[in-house]
Amino acid sequence: MNLEVLLSCMHQEDMSIAQRTHIQSDLLIINQHDKCDFTETICDGHRIRMISTTERGLSRSRNMALENACGDICLICDDDEFFEEGYAAAIIKAFEEMPEADVITFALHHSWRKFPEQQKRLGYVGALKTCSLQIAFRREKILEKNIRFDVEMGSGTGNGGGEENIFLIDCLKRGLKLWYVPAVIATVRQTTSQWFKGHTNQFFYDRGWVNRRLLGLFGAWLYALQYSIMKYPNYKKENSFWNALYFQIAGTLRK
């Protein structure tokens, strides 16, 4: 069993990103650029490949990585991570000890988020709370079930994030088993999101649209109310409770 990291990035002129992110496993880089190209090398015994493409959109990048991956286990990655020493062994160990798990999510060092300390099975609620950088999966299972990232969502689409949550929910709907393991695999260095520009009306509208795709109309309305109440301390300096609720509901009605 081997691990391959699937790294999405833009405008890279060489493979030095492998060193900057502290890669210690096989790596496939999808580099959205102004050219189409392919490069491959061996570094410290690991196979490093880079596909440069003129396609745009994070979900398209993730899907291209899926379709060109070679690893038994694949790990989603962005260019703002720094991997822990021994992350590859920790991930492979988790899959070896849990043969029933098709997807395993892991913990991160993150400036504003804490991760559970107990191992647990993930359902729909857990899928909604997971970010893409935590996700590792058995490649053959994902391909067998024909699961891909939604190209209408994610950075580069103008529709906000949430593509990883739909990906995980699709996994659950198609019978795959998801688990969380509290092993820390990387530090997230990103300080500003590429799609989050504050708690604007557009943010809440996009959130409503995403939640409709995730939860259906009635579920999205209930979640809009819960989110508006529970997250009010986080956005009250930028927007009102009624705006948050109104624009989320409006987003659910978007065609």
Protein backbone atom coordinates (compact mmCIF):
# COMPACT_ATOMS: atom_id res chain seq x y z
CA MET A 1 0.00 0.00 0.00
CA ASN A 2 1.43 3.37 -0.98
CA LEU A 3 0.33 6.98 -0.44
CA GLU A 4 0.14 9.67 -3.12
CA VAL A 5 -0.53 13.30 -2.27
CA LEU A 6 -2.77 15.16 -4.75
CA LEU A 7 -1.72 18.81 -4.66
CA SER A 8 -3.68 21.58 -6.39
CA CYS A 9 -1.88 24.86 -7.12
CA MET A 10 -1.49 27.60 -9.71
CA HIS A 11 1.32 29.22 -11.75
CA GLN A 12 4.18 27.02 -10.56
CA GLU A 13 7.29 27.20 -12.75
CA ASP A 14 9.01 24.15 -11.23
CA MET A 15 8.49 21.40 -8.64
CA SER A 16 10.00 23.26 -5.69
CA ILE A 17 6.55 23.27 -4.06
CA ALA A 18 7.28 19.65 -3.09
CA GLN A 19 10.09 20.85 -0.79
CA ARG A 20 8.12 23.84 0.51
CA THR A 21 5.27 21.61 1.63
CA HIS A 22 7.66 18.97 3.09
CA ILE A 23 6.39 16.13 0.91
CA GLN A 24 7.66 12.68 2.01
CA SER A 25 5.65 10.46 -0.31
CA ASP A 26 4.66 10.15 -3.94
CA LEU A 27 3.13 13.39 -5.22
CA LEU A 28 0.92 14.44 -8.12
CA ILE A 29 0.80 18.21 -8.69
CA ILE A 30 -2.02 19.71 -10.74
CA ASN A 31 -0.67 23.11 -11.75
CA GLN A 32 -3.24 25.44 -13.30
CA HIS A 33 -1.10 27.58 -15.58
CA ASP A 34 -1.09 29.26 -18.96
CA LYS A 35 0.39 26.18 -20.63
CA CYS A 36 -0.13 22.43 -20.87
CA ASP A 37 2.84 20.35 -19.84
CA PHE A 38 3.94 17.22 -17.96
CA THR A 39 7.07 16.71 -15.85
CA GLU A 40 8.20 13.75 -13.76
CA THR A 41 11.13 13.16 -11.45
CA ILE A 42 12.27 10.98 -8.54
CA CYS A 43 13.14 12.72 -5.26
CA ASP A 44 14.37 10.77 -2.22
CA GLY A 45 12.83 7.63 -3.70
CA HIS A 46 9.43 9.24 -4.25
CA ARG A 47 7.76 9.73 -7.62
CA ILE A 48 6.92 13.40 -8.22
CA ARG A 49 4.71 14.28 -11.21
CA MET A 50 3.37 17.64 -12.33
CA ILE A 51 0.59 18.18 -14.85
CA SER A 52 0.23 21.78 -16.00
CA THR A 53 -3.15 22.66 -17.46
CA THR A 54 -5.03 25.71 -18.71
CA GLU A 55 -8.22 24.53 -16.96
CA ARG A 56 -9.43 26.67 -14.07
CA GLY A 57 -11.32 25.88 -10.88
CA LEU A 58 -10.31 23.96 -7.76
CA SER A 59 -12.82 21.14 -8.29
CA ARG A 60 -11.58 20.62 -11.85
CA SER A 61 -8.05 20.42 -10.47
CA ARG A 62 -9.09 17.84 -7.87
CA ASN A 63 -10.89 15.77 -10.50
CA MET A 64 -7.89 15.83 -12.83
CA ALA A 65 -5.76 14.62 -9.93
CA LEU A 66 -8.21 11.80 -9.20
CA GLU A 67 -8.22 10.66 -12.80
CA ASN A 68 -4.41 10.66 -13.07
CA ALA A 69 -3.51 9.36 -9.61
CA CYS A 70 -1.59 6.13 -9.11
CA GLY A 71 -1.48 5.68 -5.33
CA ASP A 72 -3.45 3.06 -3.42
CA ILE A 73 -4.27 5.79 -0.90
CA CYS A 74 -4.65 9.41 -1.99
CA LEU A 75 -4.53 12.53 0.19
CA ILE A 76 -6.01 15.88 -0.83
CA CYS A 77 -3.59 18.81 -0.49
CA ASP A 78 -3.32 22.54 -1.24
CA ASP A 79 -0.26 24.75 -1.58
CA ASP A 80 -0.71 26.24 1.92
CA GLU A 81 0.16 23.13 3.93
CA PHE A 82 3.35 22.00 5.64
CA PHE A 83 3.34 18.27 6.34
CA GLU A 84 4.36 16.69 9.62
CA GLU A 85 7.29 14.32 9.77
CA GLY A 86 5.98 10.78 9.30
CA TYR A 87 2.56 11.79 7.95
CA ALA A 88 2.69 9.14 5.22
CA ALA A 89 3.35 6.30 7.67
CA ALA A 90 0.55 7.55 9.94
CA ILE A 91 -1.97 7.61 7.11
CA ILE A 92 -1.02 4.20 5.75
CA LYS A 93 -1.11 2.74 9.28
CA ALA A 94 -4.64 4.05 9.77
CA PHE A 95 -5.88 2.41 6.56
CA GLU A 96 -4.08 -0.86 7.37
CA GLU A 97 -5.65 -0.98 10.83
CA MET A 98 -9.09 -0.08 9.48
CA PRO A 99 -9.66 -2.22 6.38
CA GLU A 100 -13.36 -1.37 6.49
CA ALA A 101 -12.65 2.38 6.06
CA ASP A 102 -12.88 3.74 2.51
CA VAL A 103 -12.25 7.37 3.48
CA ILE A 104 -10.37 8.59 6.55
CA THR A 105 -10.09 12.20 7.64
CA PHE A 106 -7.25 13.41 9.85
CA ALA A 107 -6.44 16.30 12.19
CA LEU A 108 -4.50 19.44 11.30
CA HIS A 109 -2.64 22.16 13.13
CA HIS A 110 -4.90 25.13 12.40
CA SER A 111 -4.84 28.64 13.83
CA TRP A 112 -8.60 28.92 14.39
CA ARG A 113 -9.94 25.40 14.54
CA LYS A 114 -9.67 22.57 17.05
CA PHE A 115 -10.06 18.93 16.05
CA PRO A 116 -11.58 16.07 18.08
CA GLU A 117 -9.20 13.90 20.07
CA GLN A 118 -11.22 10.70 19.69
CA GLN A 119 -11.47 8.38 16.71
CA LYS A 120 -15.01 8.12 15.35
CA ARG A 121 -17.20 7.05 12.47
CA LEU A 122 -18.36 9.95 10.28
CA GLY A 123 -21.91 10.46 9.09
CA TYR A 124 -23.63 13.36 7.39
CA VAL A 125 -23.01 15.85 10.20
CA GLY A 126 -19.32 14.96 10.31
CA ALA A 127 -19.08 15.31 6.54
CA LEU A 128 -20.43 18.86 6.79
CA LYS A 129 -17.71 19.78 9.30
CA THR A 130 -14.77 18.41 7.31
CA CYS A 131 -12.37 20.44 5.18
CA SER A 132 -10.70 19.07 2.07
CA LEU A 133 -7.17 19.03 3.52
CA GLN A 134 -8.17 16.33 6.02
CA ILE A 135 -9.36 13.82 3.42
CA ALA A 136 -7.59 10.62 2.41
CA PHE A 137 -9.26 7.79 0.52
CA ARG A 138 -8.80 4.45 -1.20
CA ARG A 139 -8.47 5.50 -4.83
CA GLU A 140 -10.06 2.39 -6.33
CA LYS A 141 -13.18 2.82 -4.19
CA ILE A 142 -13.71 6.41 -5.34
CA LEU A 143 -13.20 5.47 -8.98
CA GLU A 144 -15.40 2.40 -8.65
CA LYS A 145 -18.28 4.54 -7.34
CA ASN A 146 -17.59 7.26 -9.93
CA ILE A 147 -17.38 9.99 -7.28
CA ARG A 148 -15.98 13.38 -8.30
CA PHE A 149 -15.84 16.94 -7.00
CA ASP A 150 -18.67 19.23 -8.10
CA VAL A 151 -17.20 21.59 -10.72
CA GLU A 152 -19.86 24.24 -9.99
CA MET A 153 -18.42 24.70 -6.49
CA GLY A 154 -15.12 25.67 -4.94
CA SER A 155 -12.49 28.32 -5.55
CA GLY A 156 -12.60 29.74 -9.06
CA THR A 157 -16.35 29.26 -9.57
CA GLY A 158 -17.65 32.34 -7.76
CA ASN A 159 -20.03 30.11 -5.79
CA GLY A 160 -18.02 29.73 -2.60
CA GLY A 161 -16.75 26.51 -1.05
CA GLY A 162 -18.40 23.27 0.02
CA GLU A 163 -17.21 20.98 -2.75
CA GLU A 164 -15.45 18.70 -0.26
CA ASN A 165 -18.64 18.31 1.78
CA ILE A 166 -20.65 17.26 -1.27
CA PHE A 167 -17.81 14.86 -2.15
CA LEU A 168 -18.05 13.21 1.27
CA ILE A 169 -21.84 13.12 1.23
CA ASP A 170 -21.70 11.45 -2.18
CA CYS A 171 -19.36 8.89 -0.62
CA LEU A 172 -21.90 8.21 2.14
CA LYS A 173 -24.82 8.01 -0.29
CA ARG A 174 -22.97 5.39 -2.33
CA GLY A 175 -22.25 3.20 0.65
CA LEU A 176 -18.65 4.08 1.47
CA LYS A 177 -17.52 4.06 5.09
CA LEU A 178 -15.98 7.24 6.51
CA TRP A 179 -13.88 7.56 9.66
CA TYR A 180 -11.99 10.28 11.52
CA VAL A 181 -8.59 9.53 13.08
CA PRO A 182 -7.06 12.20 15.38
CA ALA A 183 -3.52 11.94 13.97
CA VAL A 184 -2.13 15.38 13.01
CA ILE A 185 -0.76 15.21 9.47
CA ALA A 186 -0.04 18.84 8.54
CA THR A 187 -0.06 22.50 9.51
CA VAL A 188 -2.26 24.89 7.53
CA ARG A 189 -0.34 28.07 6.79
CA GLN A 190 -3.05 29.96 4.90
CA THR A 191 -4.06 33.26 6.50
CA THR A 192 -6.66 34.41 3.95
CA SER A 193 -9.15 32.31 2.03
CA GLN A 194 -9.23 32.48 -1.75
CA TRP A 195 -13.04 32.57 -1.73
CA PHE A 196 -14.09 33.85 1.71
CA LYS A 197 -14.29 37.67 1.64
CA GLY A 198 -16.15 38.20 4.87
CA HIS A 199 -19.73 37.64 6.06
CA THR A 200 -21.27 39.57 3.20
CA ASN A 201 -24.77 39.14 1.78
CA GLN A 202 -23.16 37.21 -1.09
CA PHE A 203 -21.46 34.86 1.38
CA PHE A 204 -24.80 33.94 2.97
CA TYR A 205 -26.50 33.65 -0.44
CA ASP A 206 -23.81 31.24 -1.68
CA ARG A 207 -24.04 29.30 1.57
CA GLY A 208 -27.76 28.83 1.07
CA TRP A 209 -27.21 27.57 -2.47
CA VAL A 210 -24.54 25.11 -1.30
CA ASN A 211 -26.69 23.85 1.55
CA ARG A 212 -29.62 23.25 -0.82
CA ARG A 213 -27.32 20.98 -2.85
CA LEU A 214 -26.16 19.25 0.32
CA LEU A 215 -29.35 18.94 2.35
CA GLY A 216 -32.33 19.53 0.09
CA LEU A 217 -34.69 22.49 0.39
CA PHE A 218 -36.26 21.81 3.80
CA GLY A 219 -32.97 20.72 5.36
CA ALA A 220 -31.25 23.84 4.00
CA TRP A 221 -33.94 26.09 5.55
CA LEU A 222 -33.51 24.45 8.96
CA TYR A 223 -29.74 24.69 8.68
CA ALA A 224 -29.98 28.36 7.66
CA LEU A 225 -31.88 29.12 10.85
CA GLN A 226 -29.46 27.11 13.00
CA TYR A 227 -26.41 28.67 11.34
CA SER A 228 -27.77 32.20 11.68
CA ILE A 229 -28.33 31.68 15.41
CA MET A 230 -25.24 29.64 16.33
CA LYS A 231 -22.76 31.64 14.26
CA TYR A 232 -24.13 35.07 15.14
CA PRO A 233 -21.17 35.92 17.44
CA ASN A 234 -18.84 35.28 14.48
CA TYR A 235 -20.56 37.59 12.00
CA LYS A 236 -22.44 40.18 14.11
CA LYS A 237 -19.79 42.87 13.47
CA GLU A 238 -20.18 42.44 9.70
CA ASN A 239 -23.84 41.68 9.13
CA SER A 240 -27.23 41.33 10.82
CA PHE A 241 -29.04 38.19 11.89
CA TRP A 242 -31.97 38.94 9.56
CA ASN A 243 -29.69 39.51 6.56
CA ALA A 244 -27.88 36.25 7.28
CA LEU A 245 -31.14 34.32 7.41
CA TYR A 246 -32.78 36.11 4.47
CA PHE A 247 -29.89 35.66 2.05
CA GLN A 248 -29.38 32.01 3.00
CA ILE A 249 -33.06 31.33 2.28
CA ALA A 250 -32.78 33.29 -0.98
CA GLY A 251 -29.77 31.18 -1.94
CA THR A 252 -31.74 27.97 -1.47
CA LEU A 253 -34.24 29.21 -4.10
CA ARG A 254 -31.59 29.93 -6.71
CA LYS A 255 -32.19 27.93 -9.89
